[in-house]
Amino acid sequence: MSVGVHPLDRGGPDPLFQQVRDHLLDLIRKQVYEPGRRLPSERVLAKSLSVSRLTLRVALNSLADEGVLQSSVGRGWFV
């Protein structure tokens, strides 16, 4: 599975975590990441998107708060 290249607008009006969140949600909607499947590791996602793991975690937690993702300690994030 690949996050794909996504040009984040670091100078844009939306916070970086929001852009990451929106990008991941778009990939989920396009079923790049299907329901029940595990996402790539935080390290892989952060590197692919050229963001810090902290920024990525804020985005992931936002999607978890919305019920889109679920975290499993020691196993990762699941759609």
PDB file of N, CA and C in Angstrom:
ATOM      1  N   MET A   1       0.834  -1.178   0.000  1.00  0.00           N
ATOM      2  CA  MET A   1       0.000   0.000   0.000  1.00  0.00           C
ATOM      3  C   MET A   1       0.876   1.237   0.000  1.00  0.00           C
ATOM      4  N   SER A   2       0.439   2.204  -0.722  1.00  0.00           N
ATOM      5  CA  SER A   2       1.234   3.418  -0.830  1.00  0.00           C
ATOM      6  C   SER A   2       0.405   4.638  -0.506  1.00  0.00           C
ATOM      7  N   VAL A   3       1.024   5.567   0.193  1.00  0.00           N
ATOM      8  CA  VAL A   3       0.357   6.813   0.527  1.00  0.00           C
ATOM      9  C   VAL A   3       0.240   7.671  -0.703  1.00  0.00           C
ATOM     10  N   GLY A   4       1.162   7.504  -1.626  1.00  0.00           N
ATOM     11  CA  GLY A   4       1.146   8.315  -2.833  1.00  0.00           C
ATOM     12  C   GLY A   4       1.761   9.681  -2.570  1.00  0.00           C
ATOM     13  N   VAL A   5       2.090  10.345  -3.636  1.00  0.00           N
ATOM     14  CA  VAL A   5       2.680  11.670  -3.517  1.00  0.00           C
ATOM     15  C   VAL A   5       1.547  12.665  -3.356  1.00  0.00           C
ATOM     16  N   HIS A   6       1.656  13.478  -2.338  1.00  0.00           N
ATOM     17  CA  HIS A   6       0.637  14.491  -2.086  1.00  0.00           C
ATOM     18  C   HIS A   6       1.339  15.794  -1.749  1.00  0.00           C
ATOM     19  N   PRO A   7       1.206  16.771  -2.607  1.00  0.00           N
ATOM     20  CA  PRO A   7       1.866  18.048  -2.324  1.00  0.00           C
ATOM     21  C   PRO A   7       1.115  18.810  -1.237  1.00  0.00           C
ATOM     22  N   LEU A   8       1.631  18.755  -0.037  1.00  0.00           N
ATOM     23  CA  LEU A   8       1.025  19.506   1.060  1.00  0.00           C
ATOM     24  C   LEU A   8       1.414  20.974   0.905  1.00  0.00           C
ATOM     25  N   ASP A   9       0.466  21.842   1.169  1.00  0.00           N
ATOM     26  CA  ASP A   9       0.692  23.277   1.035  1.00  0.00           C
ATOM     27  C   ASP A   9       1.099  23.850   2.383  1.00  0.00           C
ATOM     28  N   ARG A  10       2.407  23.845   2.625  1.00  0.00           N
ATOM     29  CA  ARG A  10       2.912  24.276   3.935  1.00  0.00           C
ATOM     30  C   ARG A  10       2.671  25.761   4.216  1.00  0.00           C
ATOM     31  N   GLY A  11       2.419  26.536   3.181  1.00  0.00           N
ATOM     32  CA  GLY A  11       2.147  27.960   3.390  1.00  0.00           C
ATOM     33  C   GLY A  11       0.673  28.300   3.267  1.00  0.00           C
ATOM     34  N   GLY A  12      -0.149  27.266   3.114  1.00  0.00           N
ATOM     35  CA  GLY A  12      -1.577  27.476   2.892  1.00  0.00           C
ATOM     36  C   GLY A  12      -2.333  27.826   4.163  1.00  0.00           C
ATOM     37  N   PRO A  13      -3.610  28.105   4.005  1.00  0.00           N
ATOM     38  CA  PRO A  13      -4.419  28.520   5.149  1.00  0.00           C
ATOM     39  C   PRO A  13      -4.762  27.380   6.110  1.00  0.00           C
ATOM     40  N   ASP A  14      -4.776  26.139   5.622  1.00  0.00           N
ATOM     41  CA  ASP A  14      -5.127  25.009   6.484  1.00  0.00           C
ATOM     42  C   ASP A  14      -3.893  24.495   7.218  1.00  0.00           C
ATOM     43  N   PRO A  15      -4.048  24.143   8.500  1.00  0.00           N
ATOM     44  CA  PRO A  15      -2.929  23.562   9.247  1.00  0.00           C
ATOM     45  C   PRO A  15      -2.454  22.275   8.580  1.00  0.00           C
ATOM     46  N   LEU A  16      -1.189  21.974   8.745  1.00  0.00           N
ATOM     47  CA  LEU A  16      -0.595  20.798   8.112  1.00  0.00           C
ATOM     48  C   LEU A  16      -1.302  19.514   8.533  1.00  0.00           C
ATOM     49  N   PHE A  17      -1.630  19.382   9.826  1.00  0.00           N
ATOM     50  CA  PHE A  17      -2.301  18.158  10.269  1.00  0.00           C
ATOM     51  C   PHE A  17      -3.648  17.989   9.568  1.00  0.00           C
ATOM     52  N   GLN A  18      -4.333  19.099   9.302  1.00  0.00           N
ATOM     53  CA  GLN A  18      -5.636  19.052   8.629  1.00  0.00           C
ATOM     54  C   GLN A  18      -5.466  18.577   7.178  1.00  0.00           C
ATOM     55  N   GLN A  19      -4.401  19.035   6.537  1.00  0.00           N
ATOM     56  CA  GLN A  19      -4.131  18.597   5.168  1.00  0.00           C
ATOM     57  C   GLN A  19      -3.814  17.096   5.131  1.00  0.00           C
ATOM     58  N   VAL A  20      -3.051  16.623   6.110  1.00  0.00           N
ATOM     59  CA  VAL A  20      -2.726  15.196   6.197  1.00  0.00           C
ATOM     60  C   VAL A  20      -4.006  14.407   6.451  1.00  0.00           C
ATOM     61  N   ARG A  21      -4.828  14.882   7.375  1.00  0.00           N
ATOM     62  CA  ARG A  21      -6.102  14.236   7.682  1.00  0.00           C
ATOM     63  C   ARG A  21      -6.965  14.132   6.427  1.00  0.00           C
ATOM     64  N   ASP A  22      -7.095  15.238   5.709  1.00  0.00           N
ATOM     65  CA  ASP A  22      -7.923  15.259   4.501  1.00  0.00           C
ATOM     66  C   ASP A  22      -7.385  14.310   3.439  1.00  0.00           C
ATOM     67  N   HIS A  23      -6.064  14.265   3.301  1.00  0.00           N
ATOM     68  CA  HIS A  23      -5.444  13.366   2.319  1.00  0.00           C
ATOM     69  C   HIS A  23      -5.709  11.907   2.676  1.00  0.00           C
ATOM     70  N   LEU A  24      -5.520  11.551   3.948  1.00  0.00           N
ATOM     71  CA  LEU A  24      -5.775  10.169   4.359  1.00  0.00           C
ATOM     72  C   LEU A  24      -7.249   9.807   4.189  1.00  0.00           C
ATOM     73  N   LEU A  25      -8.134  10.736   4.533  1.00  0.00           N
ATOM     74  CA  LEU A  25      -9.564  10.485   4.362  1.00  0.00           C
ATOM     75  C   LEU A  25      -9.903  10.272   2.888  1.00  0.00           C
ATOM     76  N   ASP A  26      -9.269  11.029   2.019  1.00  0.00           N
ATOM     77  CA  ASP A  26      -9.479  10.871   0.581  1.00  0.00           C
ATOM     78  C   ASP A  26      -9.028   9.478   0.129  1.00  0.00           C
ATOM     79  N   LEU A  27      -7.887   9.025   0.628  1.00  0.00           N
ATOM     80  CA  LEU A  27      -7.394   7.689   0.275  1.00  0.00           C
ATOM     81  C   LEU A  27      -8.333   6.598   0.787  1.00  0.00           C
ATOM     82  N   ILE A  28      -8.901   6.810   1.958  1.00  0.00           N
ATOM     83  CA  ILE A  28      -9.857   5.846   2.513  1.00  0.00           C
ATOM     84  C   ILE A  28     -11.125   5.826   1.661  1.00  0.00           C
ATOM     85  N   ARG A  29     -11.601   6.997   1.291  1.00  0.00           N
ATOM     86  CA  ARG A  29     -12.807   7.075   0.453  1.00  0.00           C
ATOM     87  C   ARG A  29     -12.592   6.423  -0.914  1.00  0.00           C
ATOM     88  N   LYS A  30     -11.376   6.530  -1.432  1.00  0.00           N
ATOM     89  CA  LYS A  30     -11.047   5.912  -2.726  1.00  0.00           C
ATOM     90  C   LYS A  30     -10.695   4.432  -2.567  1.00  0.00           C
ATOM     91  N   GLN A  31     -10.795   3.936  -1.341  1.00  0.00           N
ATOM     92  CA  GLN A  31     -10.519   2.554  -0.968  1.00  0.00           C
ATOM     93  C   GLN A  31      -9.091   2.119  -1.250  1.00  0.00           C
ATOM     94  N   VAL A  32      -8.169   3.089  -1.207  1.00  0.00           N
ATOM     95  CA  VAL A  32      -6.756   2.717  -1.215  1.00  0.00           C
ATOM     96  C   VAL A  32      -6.476   1.974   0.101  1.00  0.00           C
ATOM     97  N   TYR A  33      -7.100   2.457   1.166  1.00  0.00           N
ATOM     98  CA  TYR A  33      -7.085   1.781   2.465  1.00  0.00           C
ATOM     99  C   TYR A  33      -8.516   1.343   2.730  1.00  0.00           C
ATOM    100  N   GLU A  34      -8.754   0.049   2.682  1.00  0.00           N
ATOM    101  CA  GLU A  34     -10.102  -0.495   2.792  1.00  0.00           C
ATOM    102  C   GLU A  34     -10.494  -0.733   4.240  1.00  0.00           C
ATOM    103  N   PRO A  35     -11.799  -0.726   4.511  1.00  0.00           N
ATOM    104  CA  PRO A  35     -12.293  -1.002   5.868  1.00  0.00           C
ATOM    105  C   PRO A  35     -11.734  -2.312   6.407  1.00  0.00           C
ATOM    106  N   GLY A  36     -11.301  -2.265   7.656  1.00  0.00           N
ATOM    107  CA  GLY A  36     -10.747  -3.439   8.314  1.00  0.00           C
ATOM    108  C   GLY A  36      -9.264  -3.643   8.091  1.00  0.00           C
ATOM    109  N   ARG A  37      -8.686  -2.899   7.164  1.00  0.00           N
ATOM    110  CA  ARG A  37      -7.267  -3.051   6.848  1.00  0.00           C
ATOM    111  C   ARG A  37      -6.419  -2.128   7.718  1.00  0.00           C
ATOM    112  N   ARG A  38      -5.182  -2.557   7.942  1.00  0.00           N
ATOM    113  CA  ARG A  38      -4.241  -1.764   8.718  1.00  0.00           C
ATOM    114  C   ARG A  38      -3.540  -0.760   7.810  1.00  0.00           C
ATOM    115  N   LEU A  39      -3.338   0.432   8.332  1.00  0.00           N
ATOM    116  CA  LEU A  39      -2.560   1.450   7.622  1.00  0.00           C
ATOM    117  C   LEU A  39      -1.076   1.106   7.724  1.00  0.00           C
ATOM    118  N   PRO A  40      -0.261   1.655   6.839  1.00  0.00           N
ATOM    119  CA  PRO A  40       1.189   1.526   7.022  1.00  0.00           C
ATOM    120  C   PRO A  40       1.584   2.125   8.375  1.00  0.00           C
ATOM    121  N   SER A  41       2.761   1.797   8.847  1.00  0.00           N
ATOM    122  CA  SER A  41       3.213   2.293  10.147  1.00  0.00           C
ATOM    123  C   SER A  41       3.282   3.814  10.158  1.00  0.00           C
ATOM    124  N   GLU A  42       3.232   4.384  11.344  1.00  0.00           N
ATOM    125  CA  GLU A  42       3.335   5.836  11.480  1.00  0.00           C
ATOM    126  C   GLU A  42       4.634   6.337  10.861  1.00  0.00           C
ATOM    127  N   ARG A  43       5.699   5.611  11.065  1.00  0.00           N
ATOM    128  CA  ARG A  43       6.995   6.018  10.519  1.00  0.00           C
ATOM    129  C   ARG A  43       6.938   6.091   8.991  1.00  0.00           C
ATOM    130  N   VAL A  44       6.350   5.079   8.364  1.00  0.00           N
ATOM    131  CA  VAL A  44       6.240   5.034   6.902  1.00  0.00           C
ATOM    132  C   VAL A  44       5.333   6.154   6.400  1.00  0.00           C
ATOM    133  N   LEU A  45       4.177   6.321   7.040  1.00  0.00           N
ATOM    134  CA  LEU A  45       3.253   7.380   6.620  1.00  0.00           C
ATOM    135  C   LEU A  45       3.893   8.764   6.759  1.00  0.00           C
ATOM    136  N   ALA A  46       4.530   9.010   7.903  1.00  0.00           N
ATOM    137  CA  ALA A  46       5.146  10.319   8.137  1.00  0.00           C
ATOM    138  C   ALA A  46       6.233  10.599   7.102  1.00  0.00           C
ATOM    139  N   LYS A  47       7.049   9.603   6.827  1.00  0.00           N
ATOM    140  CA  LYS A  47       8.124   9.787   5.841  1.00  0.00           C
ATOM    141  C   LYS A  47       7.538  10.018   4.454  1.00  0.00           C
ATOM    142  N   SER A  48       6.525   9.242   4.084  1.00  0.00           N
ATOM    143  CA  SER A  48       5.910   9.377   2.756  1.00  0.00           C
ATOM    144  C   SER A  48       5.301  10.754   2.546  1.00  0.00           C
ATOM    145  N   LEU A  49       4.761  11.320   3.618  1.00  0.00           N
ATOM    146  CA  LEU A  49       4.111  12.631   3.522  1.00  0.00           C
ATOM    147  C   LEU A  49       5.052  13.779   3.893  1.00  0.00           C
ATOM    148  N   SER A  50       6.267  13.445   4.301  1.00  0.00           N
ATOM    149  CA  SER A  50       7.264  14.447   4.715  1.00  0.00           C
ATOM    150  C   SER A  50       6.747  15.332   5.839  1.00  0.00           C
ATOM    151  N   VAL A  51       6.157  14.664   6.850  1.00  0.00           N
ATOM    152  CA  VAL A  51       5.694  15.380   8.041  1.00  0.00           C
ATOM    153  C   VAL A  51       6.249  14.671   9.265  1.00  0.00           C
ATOM    154  N   SER A  52       6.211  15.341  10.391  1.00  0.00           N
ATOM    155  CA  SER A  52       6.664  14.723  11.635  1.00  0.00           C
ATOM    156  C   SER A  52       5.636  13.698  12.094  1.00  0.00           C
ATOM    157  N   ARG A  53       6.081  12.774  12.927  1.00  0.00           N
ATOM    158  CA  ARG A  53       5.146  11.784  13.462  1.00  0.00           C
ATOM    159  C   ARG A  53       4.114  12.459  14.360  1.00  0.00           C
ATOM    160  N   LEU A  54       4.492  13.543  15.004  1.00  0.00           N
ATOM    161  CA  LEU A  54       3.538  14.277  15.843  1.00  0.00           C
ATOM    162  C   LEU A  54       2.401  14.836  14.982  1.00  0.00           C
ATOM    163  N   THR A  55       2.757  15.457  13.863  1.00  0.00           N
ATOM    164  CA  THR A  55       1.735  15.991  12.949  1.00  0.00           C
ATOM    165  C   THR A  55       0.845  14.863  12.452  1.00  0.00           C
ATOM    166  N   LEU A  56       1.454  13.749  12.089  1.00  0.00           N
ATOM    167  CA  LEU A  56       0.690  12.601  11.618  1.00  0.00           C
ATOM    168  C   LEU A  56      -0.250  12.090  12.698  1.00  0.00           C
ATOM    169  N   ARG A  57       0.242  11.977  13.926  1.00  0.00           N
ATOM    170  CA  ARG A  57      -0.598  11.474  15.019  1.00  0.00           C
ATOM    171  C   ARG A  57      -1.804  12.365  15.276  1.00  0.00           C
ATOM    172  N   VAL A  58      -1.621  13.674  15.177  1.00  0.00           N
ATOM    173  CA  VAL A  58      -2.756  14.583  15.353  1.00  0.00           C
ATOM    174  C   VAL A  58      -3.807  14.298  14.279  1.00  0.00           C
ATOM    175  N   ALA A  59      -3.354  14.087  13.043  1.00  0.00           N
ATOM    176  CA  ALA A  59      -4.277  13.775  11.942  1.00  0.00           C
ATOM    177  C   ALA A  59      -4.967  12.429  12.181  1.00  0.00           C
ATOM    178  N   LEU A  60      -4.203  11.420  12.583  1.00  0.00           N
ATOM    179  CA  LEU A  60      -4.775  10.103  12.838  1.00  0.00           C
ATOM    180  C   LEU A  60      -5.784  10.145  13.982  1.00  0.00           C
ATOM    181  N   ASN A  61      -5.433  10.858  15.049  1.00  0.00           N
ATOM    182  CA  ASN A  61      -6.355  10.975  16.184  1.00  0.00           C
ATOM    183  C   ASN A  61      -7.624  11.712  15.796  1.00  0.00           C
ATOM    184  N   SER A  62      -7.517  12.684  14.922  1.00  0.00           N
ATOM    185  CA  SER A  62      -8.692  13.393  14.433  1.00  0.00           C
ATOM    186  C   SER A  62      -9.626  12.431  13.701  1.00  0.00           C
ATOM    187  N   LEU A  63      -9.054  11.581  12.853  1.00  0.00           N
ATOM    188  CA  LEU A  63      -9.860  10.592  12.141  1.00  0.00           C
ATOM    189  C   LEU A  63     -10.422   9.541  13.096  1.00  0.00           C
ATOM    190  N   ALA A  64      -9.693   9.219  14.146  1.00  0.00           N
ATOM    191  CA  ALA A  64     -10.197   8.277  15.151  1.00  0.00           C
ATOM    192  C   ALA A  64     -11.374   8.890  15.899  1.00  0.00           C
ATOM    193  N   ASP A  65     -11.274  10.175  16.225  1.00  0.00           N
ATOM    194  CA  ASP A  65     -12.371  10.867  16.916  1.00  0.00           C
ATOM    195  C   ASP A  65     -13.645  10.858  16.080  1.00  0.00           C
ATOM    196  N   GLU A  66     -13.479  10.829  14.768  1.00  0.00           N
ATOM    197  CA  GLU A  66     -14.627  10.817  13.851  1.00  0.00           C
ATOM    198  C   GLU A  66     -15.128   9.396  13.587  1.00  0.00           C
ATOM    199  N   GLY A  67     -14.428   8.403  14.115  1.00  0.00           N
ATOM    200  CA  GLY A  67     -14.840   7.021  13.929  1.00  0.00           C
ATOM    201  C   GLY A  67     -14.365   6.394  12.628  1.00  0.00           C
ATOM    202  N   VAL A  68     -13.457   7.068  11.935  1.00  0.00           N
ATOM    203  CA  VAL A  68     -12.947   6.556  10.660  1.00  0.00           C
ATOM    204  C   VAL A  68     -11.822   5.556  10.892  1.00  0.00           C
ATOM    205  N   LEU A  69     -10.978   5.820  11.872  1.00  0.00           N
ATOM    206  CA  LEU A  69      -9.845   4.950  12.198  1.00  0.00           C
ATOM    207  C   LEU A  69      -9.966   4.452  13.627  1.00  0.00           C
ATOM    208  N   GLN A  70      -9.266   3.353  13.883  1.00  0.00           N
ATOM    209  CA  GLN A  70      -9.187   2.811  15.227  1.00  0.00           C
ATOM    210  C   GLN A  70      -7.741   2.429  15.488  1.00  0.00           C
ATOM    211  N   SER A  71      -7.266   2.738  16.683  1.00  0.00           N
ATOM    212  CA  SER A  71      -5.897   2.402  17.045  1.00  0.00           C
ATOM    213  C   SER A  71      -5.896   1.155  17.927  1.00  0.00           C
ATOM    214  N   SER A  72      -4.930   0.308  17.674  1.00  0.00           N
ATOM    215  CA  SER A  72      -4.734  -0.885  18.491  1.00  0.00           C
ATOM    216  C   SER A  72      -3.286  -0.865  18.983  1.00  0.00           C
ATOM    217  N   VAL A  73      -3.110  -0.744  20.273  1.00  0.00           N
ATOM    218  CA  VAL A  73      -1.776  -0.609  20.851  1.00  0.00           C
ATOM    219  C   VAL A  73      -0.901  -1.795  20.431  1.00  0.00           C
ATOM    220  N   GLY A  74       0.245  -1.468  19.863  1.00  0.00           N
ATOM    221  CA  GLY A  74       1.188  -2.492  19.426  1.00  0.00           C
ATOM    222  C   GLY A  74       0.868  -3.091  18.067  1.00  0.00           C
ATOM    223  N   ARG A  75      -0.285  -2.755  17.509  1.00  0.00           N
ATOM    224  CA  ARG A  75      -0.668  -3.326  16.216  1.00  0.00           C
ATOM    225  C   ARG A  75      -0.777  -2.267  15.132  1.00  0.00           C
ATOM    226  N   GLY A  76      -1.110  -1.035  15.495  1.00  0.00           N
ATOM    227  CA  GLY A  76      -1.191   0.036  14.517  1.00  0.00           C
ATOM    228  C   GLY A  76      -2.580   0.622  14.383  1.00  0.00           C
ATOM    229  N   TRP A  77      -2.783   1.279  13.261  1.00  0.00           N
ATOM    230  CA  TRP A  77      -4.046   1.954  12.962  1.00  0.00           C
ATOM    231  C   TRP A  77      -4.822   1.162  11.924  1.00  0.00           C
ATOM    232  N   PHE A  78      -6.136   1.081  12.132  1.00  0.00           N
ATOM    233  CA  PHE A  78      -7.009   0.323  11.238  1.00  0.00           C
ATOM    234  C   PHE A  78      -8.164   1.206  10.762  1.00  0.00           C
ATOM    235  N   VAL A  79      -8.560   0.993   9.502  1.00  0.00           N
ATOM    236  CA  VAL A  79      -9.688   1.712   8.923  1.00  0.00           C
ATOM    237  C   VAL A  79     -10.965   1.100   9.465  1.00  0.00           C
TER     238      VAL A  79
END
